[in-house]
PDB file of all heavy atoms in Angstrom:
ATOM      1  N   THR A   1       0.836  -1.195   0.000  1.00  0.00           N
ATOM      2  CA  THR A   1       0.000   0.000   0.000  1.00  0.00           C
ATOM      3  C   THR A   1       0.871   1.244   0.000  1.00  0.00           C
ATOM      4  O   THR A   1       2.028   1.203   0.434  1.00  0.00           O
ATOM      5  CB  THR A   1      -0.926   0.020   1.238  1.00  0.00           C
ATOM      6  OG1 THR A   1      -1.749   1.205   1.205  1.00  0.00           O
ATOM      7  CG2 THR A   1      -0.119   0.015   2.522  1.00  0.00           C
ATOM      8  N   LEU A   2       0.313   2.360  -0.464  1.00  0.00           N
ATOM      9  CA  LEU A   2       0.966   3.663  -0.351  1.00  0.00           C
ATOM     10  C   LEU A   2       0.234   4.553   0.652  1.00  0.00           C
ATOM     11  O   LEU A   2       0.529   5.744   0.764  1.00  0.00           O
ATOM     12  CB  LEU A   2       1.034   4.352  -1.717  1.00  0.00           C
ATOM     13  CG  LEU A   2       1.944   3.690  -2.755  1.00  0.00           C
ATOM     14  CD1 LEU A   2       1.991   4.520  -4.032  1.00  0.00           C
ATOM     15  CD2 LEU A   2       3.350   3.491  -2.209  1.00  0.00           C
ATOM     16  N   ASP A   3      -0.700   3.974   1.384  1.00  0.00           N
ATOM     17  CA  ASP A   3      -1.430   4.692   2.429  1.00  0.00           C
ATOM     18  C   ASP A   3      -0.721   4.458   3.762  1.00  0.00           C
ATOM     19  O   ASP A   3      -0.642   3.316   4.228  1.00  0.00           O
ATOM     20  CB  ASP A   3      -2.869   4.178   2.498  1.00  0.00           C
ATOM     21  CG  ASP A   3      -3.711   4.943   3.505  1.00  0.00           C
ATOM     22  OD1 ASP A   3      -3.309   5.043   4.674  1.00  0.00           O
ATOM     23  OD2 ASP A   3      -4.788   5.428   3.111  1.00  0.00           O
ATOM     24  N   PRO A   4      -0.181   5.517   4.401  1.00  0.00           N
ATOM     25  CA  PRO A   4       0.588   5.327   5.647  1.00  0.00           C
ATOM     26  C   PRO A   4      -0.188   4.615   6.743  1.00  0.00           C
ATOM     27  O   PRO A   4       0.372   3.777   7.458  1.00  0.00           O
ATOM     28  CB  PRO A   4       0.940   6.764   6.059  1.00  0.00           C
ATOM     29  CG  PRO A   4       0.915   7.547   4.793  1.00  0.00           C
ATOM     30  CD  PRO A   4      -0.181   6.935   3.967  1.00  0.00           C
ATOM     31  N   ALA A   5      -1.476   4.924   6.896  1.00  0.00           N
ATOM     32  CA  ALA A   5      -2.270   4.294   7.951  1.00  0.00           C
ATOM     33  C   ALA A   5      -2.460   2.803   7.679  1.00  0.00           C
ATOM     34  O   ALA A   5      -2.348   1.966   8.592  1.00  0.00           O
ATOM     35  CB  ALA A   5      -3.624   4.988   8.081  1.00  0.00           C
ATOM     36  N   ILE A   6      -2.749   2.446   6.424  1.00  0.00           N
ATOM     37  CA  ILE A   6      -2.917   1.030   6.085  1.00  0.00           C
ATOM     38  C   ILE A   6      -1.588   0.303   6.210  1.00  0.00           C
ATOM     39  O   ILE A   6      -1.530  -0.836   6.687  1.00  0.00           O
ATOM     40  CB  ILE A   6      -3.494   0.893   4.656  1.00  0.00           C
ATOM     41  CG1 ILE A   6      -4.897   1.500   4.590  1.00  0.00           C
ATOM     42  CG2 ILE A   6      -3.533  -0.577   4.235  1.00  0.00           C
ATOM     43  CD1 ILE A   6      -5.500   1.494   3.189  1.00  0.00           C
ATOM     44  N   TYR A   7      -0.499   0.951   5.790  1.00  0.00           N
ATOM     45  CA  TYR A   7       0.829   0.344   5.937  1.00  0.00           C
ATOM     46  C   TYR A   7       1.104   0.019   7.403  1.00  0.00           C
ATOM     47  O   TYR A   7       1.567  -1.072   7.733  1.00  0.00           O
ATOM     48  CB  TYR A   7       1.887   1.300   5.393  1.00  0.00           C
ATOM     49  CG  TYR A   7       3.283   0.714   5.353  1.00  0.00           C
ATOM     50  CD1 TYR A   7       3.800   0.199   4.165  1.00  0.00           C
ATOM     51  CD2 TYR A   7       4.085   0.667   6.486  1.00  0.00           C
ATOM     52  CE1 TYR A   7       5.076  -0.345   4.111  1.00  0.00           C
ATOM     53  CE2 TYR A   7       5.362   0.126   6.452  1.00  0.00           C
ATOM     54  CZ  TYR A   7       5.852  -0.375   5.263  1.00  0.00           C
ATOM     55  OH  TYR A   7       7.120  -0.916   5.226  1.00  0.00           O
ATOM     56  N   GLN A   8       0.812   0.977   8.282  1.00  0.00           N
ATOM     57  CA  GLN A   8       1.027   0.762   9.721  1.00  0.00           C
ATOM     58  C   GLN A   8       0.172  -0.397  10.216  1.00  0.00           C
ATOM     59  O   GLN A   8       0.620  -1.243  10.997  1.00  0.00           O
ATOM     60  CB  GLN A   8       0.686   2.032  10.487  1.00  0.00           C
ATOM     61  CG  GLN A   8       0.710   1.902  12.003  1.00  0.00           C
ATOM     62  CD  GLN A   8       1.968   2.474  12.620  1.00  0.00           C
ATOM     63  OE1 GLN A   8       2.501   3.466  12.146  1.00  0.00           O
ATOM     64  NE2 GLN A   8       2.440   1.841  13.668  1.00  0.00           N
ATOM     65  N   ASN A   9      -1.062  -0.462   9.744  1.00  0.00           N
ATOM     66  CA  ASN A   9      -1.974  -1.519  10.185  1.00  0.00           C
ATOM     67  C   ASN A   9      -1.516  -2.888   9.705  1.00  0.00           C
ATOM     68  O   ASN A   9      -1.584  -3.875  10.452  1.00  0.00           O
ATOM     69  CB  ASN A   9      -3.380  -1.226   9.660  1.00  0.00           C
ATOM     70  CG  ASN A   9      -4.411  -2.224  10.159  1.00  0.00           C
ATOM     71  OD1 ASN A   9      -4.407  -2.608  11.323  1.00  0.00           O
ATOM     72  ND2 ASN A   9      -5.301  -2.644   9.278  1.00  0.00           N
ATOM     73  N   LEU A  10      -1.023  -2.973   8.471  1.00  0.00           N
ATOM     74  CA  LEU A  10      -0.610  -4.257   7.900  1.00  0.00           C
ATOM     75  C   LEU A  10       0.730  -4.739   8.446  1.00  0.00           C
ATOM     76  O   LEU A  10       0.931  -5.940   8.637  1.00  0.00           O
ATOM     77  CB  LEU A  10      -0.533  -4.149   6.375  1.00  0.00           C
ATOM     78  CG  LEU A  10      -1.854  -4.041   5.613  1.00  0.00           C
ATOM     79  CD1 LEU A  10      -1.586  -3.798   4.134  1.00  0.00           C
ATOM     80  CD2 LEU A  10      -2.690  -5.293   5.797  1.00  0.00           C
ATOM     81  N   THR A  11       1.650  -3.802   8.691  1.00  0.00           N
ATOM     82  CA  THR A  11       3.015  -4.192   9.055  1.00  0.00           C
ATOM     83  C   THR A  11       3.336  -4.003  10.527  1.00  0.00           C
ATOM     84  O   THR A  11       4.313  -4.555  11.027  1.00  0.00           O
ATOM     85  CB  THR A  11       4.043  -3.394   8.236  1.00  0.00           C
ATOM     86  OG1 THR A  11       3.977  -2.009   8.619  1.00  0.00           O
ATOM     87  CG2 THR A  11       3.770  -3.518   6.746  1.00  0.00           C
ATOM     88  N   GLY A  12       2.540  -3.168  11.217  1.00  0.00           N
ATOM     89  CA  GLY A  12       2.814  -2.912  12.625  1.00  0.00           C
ATOM     90  C   GLY A  12       3.860  -1.842  12.863  1.00  0.00           C
ATOM     91  O   GLY A  12       4.310  -1.654  13.999  1.00  0.00           O
ATOM     92  N   ARG A  13       4.249  -1.117  11.814  1.00  0.00           N
ATOM     93  CA  ARG A  13       5.254  -0.074  12.006  1.00  0.00           C
ATOM     94  C   ARG A  13       5.073   1.028  10.969  1.00  0.00           C
ATOM     95  O   ARG A  13       4.441   0.829   9.932  1.00  0.00           O
ATOM     96  CB  ARG A  13       6.672  -0.647  11.907  1.00  0.00           C
ATOM     97  CG  ARG A  13       7.026  -1.199  10.540  1.00  0.00           C
ATOM     98  CD  ARG A  13       8.421  -1.796  10.538  1.00  0.00           C
ATOM     99  NE  ARG A  13       9.426  -0.798  10.879  1.00  0.00           N
ATOM    100  CZ  ARG A  13      10.655  -1.095  11.278  1.00  0.00           C
ATOM    101  NH1 ARG A  13      11.025  -2.357  11.392  1.00  0.00           N
ATOM    102  NH2 ARG A  13      11.521  -0.144  11.552  1.00  0.00           N
ATOM    103  N   ASP A  14       5.669   2.187  11.273  1.00  0.00           N
ATOM    104  CA  ASP A  14       5.603   3.336  10.383  1.00  0.00           C
ATOM    105  C   ASP A  14       6.840   3.319   9.485  1.00  0.00           C
ATOM    106  O   ASP A  14       7.814   4.028   9.746  1.00  0.00           O
ATOM    107  CB  ASP A  14       5.536   4.630  11.194  1.00  0.00           C
ATOM    108  CG  ASP A  14       5.483   5.874  10.323  1.00  0.00           C
ATOM    109  OD1 ASP A  14       5.157   5.731   9.130  1.00  0.00           O
ATOM    110  OD2 ASP A  14       5.767   6.971  10.844  1.00  0.00           O
ATOM    111  N   GLY A  15       6.804   2.510   8.420  1.00  0.00           N
ATOM    112  CA  GLY A  15       7.997   2.347   7.599  1.00  0.00           C
ATOM    113  C   GLY A  15       7.808   2.693   6.140  1.00  0.00           C
ATOM    114  O   GLY A  15       8.718   2.478   5.338  1.00  0.00           O
ATOM    115  N   LEU A  16       6.661   3.248   5.774  1.00  0.00           N
ATOM    116  CA  LEU A  16       6.379   3.489   4.365  1.00  0.00           C
ATOM    117  C   LEU A  16       7.382   4.461   3.742  1.00  0.00           C
ATOM    118  O   LEU A  16       7.906   4.215   2.648  1.00  0.00           O
ATOM    119  CB  LEU A  16       4.960   4.025   4.199  1.00  0.00           C
ATOM    120  CG  LEU A  16       4.536   4.398   2.770  1.00  0.00           C
ATOM    121  CD1 LEU A  16       4.658   3.202   1.839  1.00  0.00           C
ATOM    122  CD2 LEU A  16       3.117   4.961   2.756  1.00  0.00           C
ATOM    123  N   THR A  17       7.656   5.563   4.432  1.00  0.00           N
ATOM    124  CA  THR A  17       8.594   6.553   3.894  1.00  0.00           C
ATOM    125  C   THR A  17       9.968   5.946   3.672  1.00  0.00           C
ATOM    126  O   THR A  17      10.608   6.161   2.637  1.00  0.00           O
ATOM    127  CB  THR A  17       8.700   7.765   4.829  1.00  0.00           C
ATOM    128  OG1 THR A  17       7.420   8.399   4.946  1.00  0.00           O
ATOM    129  CG2 THR A  17       9.704   8.776   4.300  1.00  0.00           C
ATOM    130  N   ASP A  18      10.429   5.150   4.643  1.00  0.00           N
ATOM    131  CA  ASP A  18      11.742   4.510   4.510  1.00  0.00           C
ATOM    132  C   ASP A  18      11.766   3.529   3.348  1.00  0.00           C
ATOM    133  O   ASP A  18      12.766   3.430   2.624  1.00  0.00           O
ATOM    134  CB  ASP A  18      12.108   3.780   5.807  1.00  0.00           C
ATOM    135  CG  ASP A  18      12.427   4.744   6.947  1.00  0.00           C
ATOM    136  OD1 ASP A  18      12.833   5.879   6.650  1.00  0.00           O
ATOM    137  OD2 ASP A  18      12.254   4.359   8.112  1.00  0.00           O
ATOM    138  N   SER A  19      10.670   2.798   3.165  1.00  0.00           N
ATOM    139  CA  SER A  19      10.606   1.837   2.068  1.00  0.00           C
ATOM    140  C   SER A  19      10.682   2.539   0.723  1.00  0.00           C
ATOM    141  O   SER A  19      11.411   2.107  -0.186  1.00  0.00           O
ATOM    142  CB  SER A  19       9.319   1.019   2.165  1.00  0.00           C
ATOM    143  OG  SER A  19       9.262   0.039   1.152  1.00  0.00           O
ATOM    144  N   LEU A  20       9.954   3.643   0.567  1.00  0.00           N
ATOM    145  CA  LEU A  20       9.975   4.384  -0.691  1.00  0.00           C
ATOM    146  C   LEU A  20      11.352   4.999  -0.945  1.00  0.00           C
ATOM    147  O   LEU A  20      11.834   5.029  -2.082  1.00  0.00           O
ATOM    148  CB  LEU A  20       8.900   5.466  -0.670  1.00  0.00           C
ATOM    149  CG  LEU A  20       7.450   4.961  -0.685  1.00  0.00           C
ATOM    150  CD1 LEU A  20       6.475   6.111  -0.481  1.00  0.00           C
ATOM    151  CD2 LEU A  20       7.141   4.215  -1.970  1.00  0.00           C
ATOM    152  N   LYS A  21      11.992   5.479   0.112  1.00  0.00           N
ATOM    153  CA  LYS A  21      13.352   6.003  -0.037  1.00  0.00           C
ATOM    154  C   LYS A  21      14.303   4.892  -0.477  1.00  0.00           C
ATOM    155  O   LYS A  21      15.214   5.120  -1.277  1.00  0.00           O
ATOM    156  CB  LYS A  21      13.833   6.615   1.283  1.00  0.00           C
ATOM    157  CG  LYS A  21      13.191   7.946   1.634  1.00  0.00           C
ATOM    158  CD  LYS A  21      13.745   8.481   2.947  1.00  0.00           C
ATOM    159  CE  LYS A  21      13.158   9.837   3.295  1.00  0.00           C
ATOM    160  NZ  LYS A  21      13.678  10.339   4.604  1.00  0.00           N
ATOM    161  N   GLY A  22      14.091   3.697   0.063  1.00  0.00           N
ATOM    162  CA  GLY A  22      14.930   2.561  -0.315  1.00  0.00           C
ATOM    163  C   GLY A  22      14.770   2.199  -1.780  1.00  0.00           C
ATOM    164  O   GLY A  22      15.750   1.889  -2.471  1.00  0.00           O
ATOM    165  N   ILE A  23      13.538   2.229  -2.271  1.00  0.00           N
ATOM    166  CA  ILE A  23      13.274   1.935  -3.688  1.00  0.00           C
ATOM    167  C   ILE A  23      14.018   2.927  -4.573  1.00  0.00           C
ATOM    168  O   ILE A  23      14.708   2.547  -5.533  1.00  0.00           O
ATOM    169  CB  ILE A  23      11.760   1.982  -3.964  1.00  0.00           C
ATOM    170  CG1 ILE A  23      11.065   0.803  -3.284  1.00  0.00           C
ATOM    171  CG2 ILE A  23      11.484   1.976  -5.466  1.00  0.00           C
ATOM    172  CD1 ILE A  23       9.552   0.907  -3.271  1.00  0.00           C
ATOM    173  N   ASP A  24      13.902   4.203  -4.245  1.00  0.00           N
ATOM    174  CA  ASP A  24      14.564   5.220  -5.056  1.00  0.00           C
ATOM    175  C   ASP A  24      16.081   5.119  -4.955  1.00  0.00           C
ATOM    176  O   ASP A  24      16.793   5.373  -5.940  1.00  0.00           O
ATOM    177  CB  ASP A  24      14.089   6.612  -4.636  1.00  0.00           C
ATOM    178  CG  ASP A  24      12.655   6.905  -5.084  1.00  0.00           C
ATOM    179  OD1 ASP A  24      12.228   6.314  -6.091  1.00  0.00           O
ATOM    180  OD2 ASP A  24      11.971   7.701  -4.425  1.00  0.00           O
ATOM    181  N   ALA A  25      16.602   4.732  -3.781  1.00  0.00           N
ATOM    182  CA  ALA A  25      18.050   4.560  -3.624  1.00  0.00           C
ATOM    183  C   ALA A  25      18.554   3.434  -4.511  1.00  0.00           C
ATOM    184  O   ALA A  25      19.616   3.548  -5.140  1.00  0.00           O
ATOM    185  CB  ALA A  25      18.393   4.290  -2.168  1.00  0.00           C
ATOM    186  N   ALA A  26      17.807   2.335  -4.570  1.00  0.00           N
ATOM    187  CA  ALA A  26      18.204   1.211  -5.425  1.00  0.00           C
ATOM    188  C   ALA A  26      18.176   1.609  -6.894  1.00  0.00           C
ATOM    189  O   ALA A  26      19.063   1.224  -7.668  1.00  0.00           O
ATOM    190  CB  ALA A  26      17.286   0.018  -5.170  1.00  0.00           C
ATOM    191  N   ILE A  27      17.174   2.385  -7.287  1.00  0.00           N
ATOM    192  CA  ILE A  27      17.089   2.853  -8.677  1.00  0.00           C
ATOM    193  C   ILE A  27      18.293   3.726  -9.015  1.00  0.00           C
ATOM    194  O   ILE A  27      18.875   3.613 -10.102  1.00  0.00           O
ATOM    195  CB  ILE A  27      15.765   3.607  -8.904  1.00  0.00           C
ATOM    196  CG1 ILE A  27      14.577   2.643  -8.798  1.00  0.00           C
ATOM    197  CG2 ILE A  27      15.760   4.294 -10.273  1.00  0.00           C
ATOM    198  CD1 ILE A  27      13.226   3.325  -8.824  1.00  0.00           C
TER     199      ILE A  27
END
C-alpha cells in the first residue's frame, strides 16, 4: 500500500517513507 495508515496496520510499524526512499536509492 501507499497509504501510511494502512501500511502501519498491515506491518505494525511506520515504515512506508523509509521503504519508498529505499526503492529510489536502489534505482
